[in-house]
């Protein structure tokens, strides 16, 4: 433990145990617990704050890495709230019901509409909208009165089901 002392000029100073820089005593936080003989921390304020920043950065990195995937129970609970609560209220209630998990309002909306975690009925409806049968394409080509390029452009965003 580094204790405070007076330097050659008579200033009350102390050496930091981490950075080993001798600084005035006012650069150290007060610490009156335990074995501090001078009533100050062993590390200077800059080293303590740097340690806090480092710990917070590690925690933030871990928080970002942690992902909460929605289980079927979560999705089913959100669907049950569709006609009872708004999307915002559902997101708030979700975080209260499933303690540490938070969900975005947009995610709730996408679950309500079937964009995320669609029900089998919603999934089949989406497939019908996004796909077209090859037989329908051939039938459309036979009935075509305009150019083939215009017809193909109308099908560009749909998948052809063979």
C-alpha atoms as a PDB file:
ATOM      1  CA  UNK A   1       0.000   0.000   0.000  1.00  0.00           C
ATOM      2  CA  UNK A   2       1.334   3.333  -0.987  1.00  0.00           C
ATOM      3  CA  UNK A   3       0.879   5.928   1.692  1.00  0.00           C
ATOM      4  CA  UNK A   4       0.747   9.647   1.163  1.00  0.00           C
ATOM      5  CA  UNK A   5       3.836  11.703   1.877  1.00  0.00           C
ATOM      6  CA  UNK A   6       5.198  15.199   1.470  1.00  0.00           C
ATOM      7  CA  UNK A   7       7.513  15.860  -1.464  1.00  0.00           C
ATOM      8  CA  UNK A   8      10.554  18.166  -1.445  1.00  0.00           C
ATOM      9  CA  UNK A   9       8.366  21.234  -2.064  1.00  0.00           C
ATOM     10  CA  UNK A  10       6.086  20.379   0.870  1.00  0.00           C
ATOM     11  CA  UNK A  11       3.123  19.236  -1.256  1.00  0.00           C
ATOM     12  CA  UNK A  12       0.983  16.387   0.035  1.00  0.00           C
ATOM     13  CA  UNK A  13       1.370  13.681  -2.693  1.00  0.00           C
ATOM     14  CA  UNK A  14       0.861   9.972  -3.230  1.00  0.00           C
ATOM     15  CA  UNK A  15       2.063   7.358  -5.750  1.00  0.00           C
ATOM     16  CA  UNK A  16      -0.579   5.428  -7.703  1.00  0.00           C
ATOM     17  CA  UNK A  17      -0.193   1.655  -7.398  1.00  0.00           C
ATOM     18  CA  UNK A  18      -1.311   1.109 -10.986  1.00  0.00           C
ATOM     19  CA  UNK A  19       0.363   3.798 -13.090  1.00  0.00           C
ATOM     20  CA  UNK A  20       3.154   4.584 -10.557  1.00  0.00           C
ATOM     21  CA  UNK A  21       2.746   8.353 -11.067  1.00  0.00           C
ATOM     22  CA  UNK A  22       3.195  10.617  -8.059  1.00  0.00           C
ATOM     23  CA  UNK A  23       0.266  13.043  -7.924  1.00  0.00           C
ATOM     24  CA  UNK A  24      -1.234  15.504  -5.444  1.00  0.00           C
ATOM     25  CA  UNK A  25      -3.455  13.887  -2.815  1.00  0.00           C
ATOM     26  CA  UNK A  26      -6.561  15.577  -4.256  1.00  0.00           C
ATOM     27  CA  UNK A  27      -6.236  13.315  -7.350  1.00  0.00           C
ATOM     28  CA  UNK A  28      -7.267  10.323  -5.210  1.00  0.00           C
ATOM     29  CA  UNK A  29     -10.780   9.481  -4.063  1.00  0.00           C
ATOM     30  CA  UNK A  30     -11.463   9.340  -0.323  1.00  0.00           C
ATOM     31  CA  UNK A  31     -11.470   5.861   1.163  1.00  0.00           C
ATOM     32  CA  UNK A  32     -11.930   5.517   4.884  1.00  0.00           C
ATOM     33  CA  UNK A  33     -12.687   1.794   5.041  1.00  0.00           C
ATOM     34  CA  UNK A  34     -10.168  -0.925   5.764  1.00  0.00           C
ATOM     35  CA  UNK A  35      -6.437  -0.363   5.944  1.00  0.00           C
ATOM     36  CA  UNK A  36      -6.056   2.981   4.188  1.00  0.00           C
ATOM     37  CA  UNK A  37      -3.765   4.897   6.540  1.00  0.00           C
ATOM     38  CA  UNK A  38      -4.110   8.201   4.708  1.00  0.00           C
ATOM     39  CA  UNK A  39      -7.866   7.897   4.005  1.00  0.00           C
ATOM     40  CA  UNK A  40      -7.444   7.798   0.211  1.00  0.00           C
ATOM     41  CA  UNK A  41      -7.732   5.141  -2.523  1.00  0.00           C
ATOM     42  CA  UNK A  42      -4.575   3.338  -3.665  1.00  0.00           C
ATOM     43  CA  UNK A  43      -5.199   4.136  -7.325  1.00  0.00           C
ATOM     44  CA  UNK A  44      -5.567   7.628  -8.764  1.00  0.00           C
ATOM     45  CA  UNK A  45      -8.869   8.877 -10.150  1.00  0.00           C
ATOM     46  CA  UNK A  46      -7.766   8.445 -13.780  1.00  0.00           C
ATOM     47  CA  UNK A  47      -6.851   4.766 -13.253  1.00  0.00           C
ATOM     48  CA  UNK A  48     -10.111   4.052 -11.422  1.00  0.00           C
ATOM     49  CA  UNK A  49     -12.187   5.710 -14.150  1.00  0.00           C
ATOM     50  CA  UNK A  50     -10.243   3.856 -16.861  1.00  0.00           C
ATOM     51  CA  UNK A  51     -11.041   0.594 -15.060  1.00  0.00           C
ATOM     52  CA  UNK A  52     -14.746   1.456 -14.980  1.00  0.00           C
ATOM     53  CA  UNK A  53     -14.731   2.275 -18.699  1.00  0.00           C
ATOM     54  CA  UNK A  54     -12.988  -1.006 -19.481  1.00  0.00           C
ATOM     55  CA  UNK A  55     -15.471  -3.040 -17.432  1.00  0.00           C
ATOM     56  CA  UNK A  56     -18.426  -1.242 -19.016  1.00  0.00           C
ATOM     57  CA  UNK A  57     -17.046  -1.886 -22.501  1.00  0.00           C
ATOM     58  CA  UNK A  58     -16.695  -5.613 -21.726  1.00  0.00           C
ATOM     59  CA  UNK A  59     -20.229  -5.755 -20.356  1.00  0.00           C
ATOM     60  CA  UNK A  60     -21.618  -3.904 -23.368  1.00  0.00           C
ATOM     61  CA  UNK A  61     -19.837  -6.298 -25.712  1.00  0.00           C
ATOM     62  CA  UNK A  62     -21.309  -9.300 -23.874  1.00  0.00           C
ATOM     63  CA  UNK A  63     -24.751  -7.687 -23.899  1.00  0.00           C
ATOM     64  CA  UNK A  64     -24.571  -7.217 -27.656  1.00  0.00           C
ATOM     65  CA  UNK A  65     -23.443 -10.804 -28.167  1.00  0.00           C
ATOM     66  CA  UNK A  66     -26.314 -12.165 -26.102  1.00  0.00           C
ATOM     67  CA  UNK A  67     -29.319 -12.748 -28.270  1.00  0.00           C
ATOM     68  CA  UNK A  68     -32.689 -13.841 -27.067  1.00  0.00           C
ATOM     69  CA  UNK A  69     -34.439 -16.002 -29.579  1.00  0.00           C
ATOM     70  CA  UNK A  70     -38.154 -16.223 -29.285  1.00  0.00           C
ATOM     71  CA  UNK A  71     -39.439 -19.649 -28.435  1.00  0.00           C
ATOM     72  CA  UNK A  72     -42.808 -20.932 -29.649  1.00  0.00           C
ATOM     73  CA  UNK A  73     -44.210 -20.094 -26.195  1.00  0.00           C
ATOM     74  CA  UNK A  74     -43.162 -16.451 -26.604  1.00  0.00           C
ATOM     75  CA  UNK A  75     -44.575 -16.182 -30.106  1.00  0.00           C
ATOM     76  CA  UNK A  76     -47.850 -17.808 -29.077  1.00  0.00           C
ATOM     77  CA  UNK A  77     -48.182 -15.413 -26.119  1.00  0.00           C
ATOM     78  CA  UNK A  78     -47.613 -12.431 -28.430  1.00  0.00           C
ATOM     79  CA  UNK A  79     -50.234 -13.711 -30.886  1.00  0.00           C
ATOM     80  CA  UNK A  80     -52.753 -14.062 -28.049  1.00  0.00           C
ATOM     81  CA  UNK A  81     -52.321 -10.351 -27.298  1.00  0.00           C
ATOM     82  CA  UNK A  82     -53.143  -9.267 -30.865  1.00  0.00           C
ATOM     83  CA  UNK A  83     -56.712  -8.086 -30.299  1.00  0.00           C
ATOM     84  CA  UNK A  84     -56.265  -7.322 -26.592  1.00  0.00           C
ATOM     85  CA  UNK A  85     -53.299  -4.908 -26.587  1.00  0.00           C
ATOM     86  CA  UNK A  86     -51.569  -2.544 -28.997  1.00  0.00           C
ATOM     87  CA  UNK A  87     -48.091  -3.388 -30.278  1.00  0.00           C
ATOM     88  CA  UNK A  88     -46.443  -1.005 -27.805  1.00  0.00           C
ATOM     89  CA  UNK A  89     -48.449  -2.345 -24.865  1.00  0.00           C
ATOM     90  CA  UNK A  90     -47.677  -5.905 -25.945  1.00  0.00           C
ATOM     91  CA  UNK A  91     -43.934  -5.162 -26.021  1.00  0.00           C
ATOM     92  CA  UNK A  92     -44.095  -3.675 -22.502  1.00  0.00           C
ATOM     93  CA  UNK A  93     -46.167  -6.558 -21.171  1.00  0.00           C
ATOM     94  CA  UNK A  94     -43.752  -9.027 -22.790  1.00  0.00           C
ATOM     95  CA  UNK A  95     -40.778  -7.572 -20.923  1.00  0.00           C
ATOM     96  CA  UNK A  96     -42.709  -7.799 -17.653  1.00  0.00           C
ATOM     97  CA  UNK A  97     -43.916 -11.332 -18.287  1.00  0.00           C
ATOM     98  CA  UNK A  98     -40.603 -12.741 -19.542  1.00  0.00           C
ATOM     99  CA  UNK A  99     -38.324 -10.891 -17.132  1.00  0.00           C
ATOM    100  CA  UNK A 100     -34.961 -10.185 -18.802  1.00  0.00           C
ATOM    101  CA  UNK A 101     -36.172 -10.299 -22.381  1.00  0.00           C
ATOM    102  CA  UNK A 102     -37.136  -7.188 -24.266  1.00  0.00           C
ATOM    103  CA  UNK A 103     -38.792  -7.069 -27.640  1.00  0.00           C
ATOM    104  CA  UNK A 104     -39.042  -4.298 -30.182  1.00  0.00           C
ATOM    105  CA  UNK A 105     -42.435  -2.842 -31.143  1.00  0.00           C
ATOM    106  CA  UNK A 106     -41.647  -3.549 -34.794  1.00  0.00           C
ATOM    107  CA  UNK A 107     -41.009  -7.220 -34.013  1.00  0.00           C
ATOM    108  CA  UNK A 108     -44.383  -7.465 -32.276  1.00  0.00           C
ATOM    109  CA  UNK A 109     -46.044  -5.870 -35.307  1.00  0.00           C
ATOM    110  CA  UNK A 110     -44.304  -8.313 -37.655  1.00  0.00           C
ATOM    111  CA  UNK A 111     -45.466 -11.251 -35.549  1.00  0.00           C
ATOM    112  CA  UNK A 112     -49.019  -9.880 -35.582  1.00  0.00           C
ATOM    113  CA  UNK A 113     -48.971  -9.577 -39.381  1.00  0.00           C
ATOM    114  CA  UNK A 114     -47.239 -12.929 -39.918  1.00  0.00           C
ATOM    115  CA  UNK A 115     -44.062 -11.483 -41.416  1.00  0.00           C
ATOM    116  CA  UNK A 116     -42.060 -13.079 -38.544  1.00  0.00           C
ATOM    117  CA  UNK A 117     -43.020 -16.519 -37.230  1.00  0.00           C
ATOM    118  CA  UNK A 118     -46.047 -16.941 -39.497  1.00  0.00           C
ATOM    119  CA  UNK A 119     -48.788 -19.408 -38.684  1.00  0.00           C
ATOM    120  CA  UNK A 120     -49.308 -22.221 -41.206  1.00  0.00           C
ATOM    121  CA  UNK A 121     -52.306 -20.358 -42.666  1.00  0.00           C
ATOM    122  CA  UNK A 122     -50.325 -17.134 -43.057  1.00  0.00           C
ATOM    123  CA  UNK A 123     -47.438 -19.078 -44.549  1.00  0.00           C
ATOM    124  CA  UNK A 124     -49.614 -20.705 -47.205  1.00  0.00           C
ATOM    125  CA  UNK A 125     -51.174 -17.329 -48.081  1.00  0.00           C
ATOM    126  CA  UNK A 126     -47.730 -15.794 -48.490  1.00  0.00           C
ATOM    127  CA  UNK A 127     -46.620 -18.640 -50.727  1.00  0.00           C
ATOM    128  CA  UNK A 128     -49.674 -18.124 -52.908  1.00  0.00           C
ATOM    129  CA  UNK A 129     -48.820 -14.446 -53.305  1.00  0.00           C
ATOM    130  CA  UNK A 130     -45.095 -14.967 -53.916  1.00  0.00           C
ATOM    131  CA  UNK A 131     -45.199 -17.987 -56.223  1.00  0.00           C
ATOM    132  CA  UNK A 132     -46.818 -18.781 -59.506  1.00  0.00           C
ATOM    133  CA  UNK A 133     -47.193 -22.205 -61.053  1.00  0.00           C
ATOM    134  CA  UNK A 134     -45.271 -23.020 -64.233  1.00  0.00           C
ATOM    135  CA  UNK A 135     -48.583 -24.064 -65.781  1.00  0.00           C
ATOM    136  CA  UNK A 136     -50.001 -20.596 -65.078  1.00  0.00           C
ATOM    137  CA  UNK A 137     -46.943 -19.049 -66.713  1.00  0.00           C
ATOM    138  CA  UNK A 138     -47.387 -21.208 -69.816  1.00  0.00           C
ATOM    139  CA  UNK A 139     -51.134 -20.494 -69.929  1.00  0.00           C
ATOM    140  CA  UNK A 140     -50.394 -16.759 -69.606  1.00  0.00           C
ATOM    141  CA  UNK A 141     -47.866 -16.976 -72.439  1.00  0.00           C
ATOM    142  CA  UNK A 142     -50.483 -18.618 -74.693  1.00  0.00           C
ATOM    143  CA  UNK A 143     -53.077 -15.968 -73.907  1.00  0.00           C
ATOM    144  CA  UNK A 144     -50.479 -13.213 -74.384  1.00  0.00           C
ATOM    145  CA  UNK A 145     -51.444 -10.361 -76.642  1.00  0.00           C
ATOM    146  CA  UNK A 146     -48.462  -8.050 -75.850  1.00  0.00           C
ATOM    147  CA  UNK A 147     -44.710  -8.554 -75.823  1.00  0.00           C
ATOM    148  CA  UNK A 148     -43.055 -11.449 -73.986  1.00  0.00           C
ATOM    149  CA  UNK A 149     -40.656  -9.058 -72.192  1.00  0.00           C
ATOM    150  CA  UNK A 150     -43.546  -7.207 -70.550  1.00  0.00           C
ATOM    151  CA  UNK A 151     -45.041 -10.494 -69.401  1.00  0.00           C
ATOM    152  CA  UNK A 152     -41.723 -11.706 -67.952  1.00  0.00           C
ATOM    153  CA  UNK A 153     -41.220  -8.395 -66.109  1.00  0.00           C
ATOM    154  CA  UNK A 154     -44.558  -8.856 -64.341  1.00  0.00           C
ATOM    155  CA  UNK A 155     -43.274 -12.208 -63.038  1.00  0.00           C
ATOM    156  CA  UNK A 156     -39.818 -10.939 -62.031  1.00  0.00           C
ATOM    157  CA  UNK A 157     -40.653 -10.605 -58.331  1.00  0.00           C
ATOM    158  CA  UNK A 158     -42.494 -13.923 -58.076  1.00  0.00           C
ATOM    159  CA  UNK A 159     -41.020 -17.375 -57.766  1.00  0.00           C
ATOM    160  CA  UNK A 160     -42.033 -19.955 -60.296  1.00  0.00           C
ATOM    161  CA  UNK A 161     -43.180 -23.218 -58.764  1.00  0.00           C
ATOM    162  CA  UNK A 162     -42.324 -26.202 -61.004  1.00  0.00           C
END
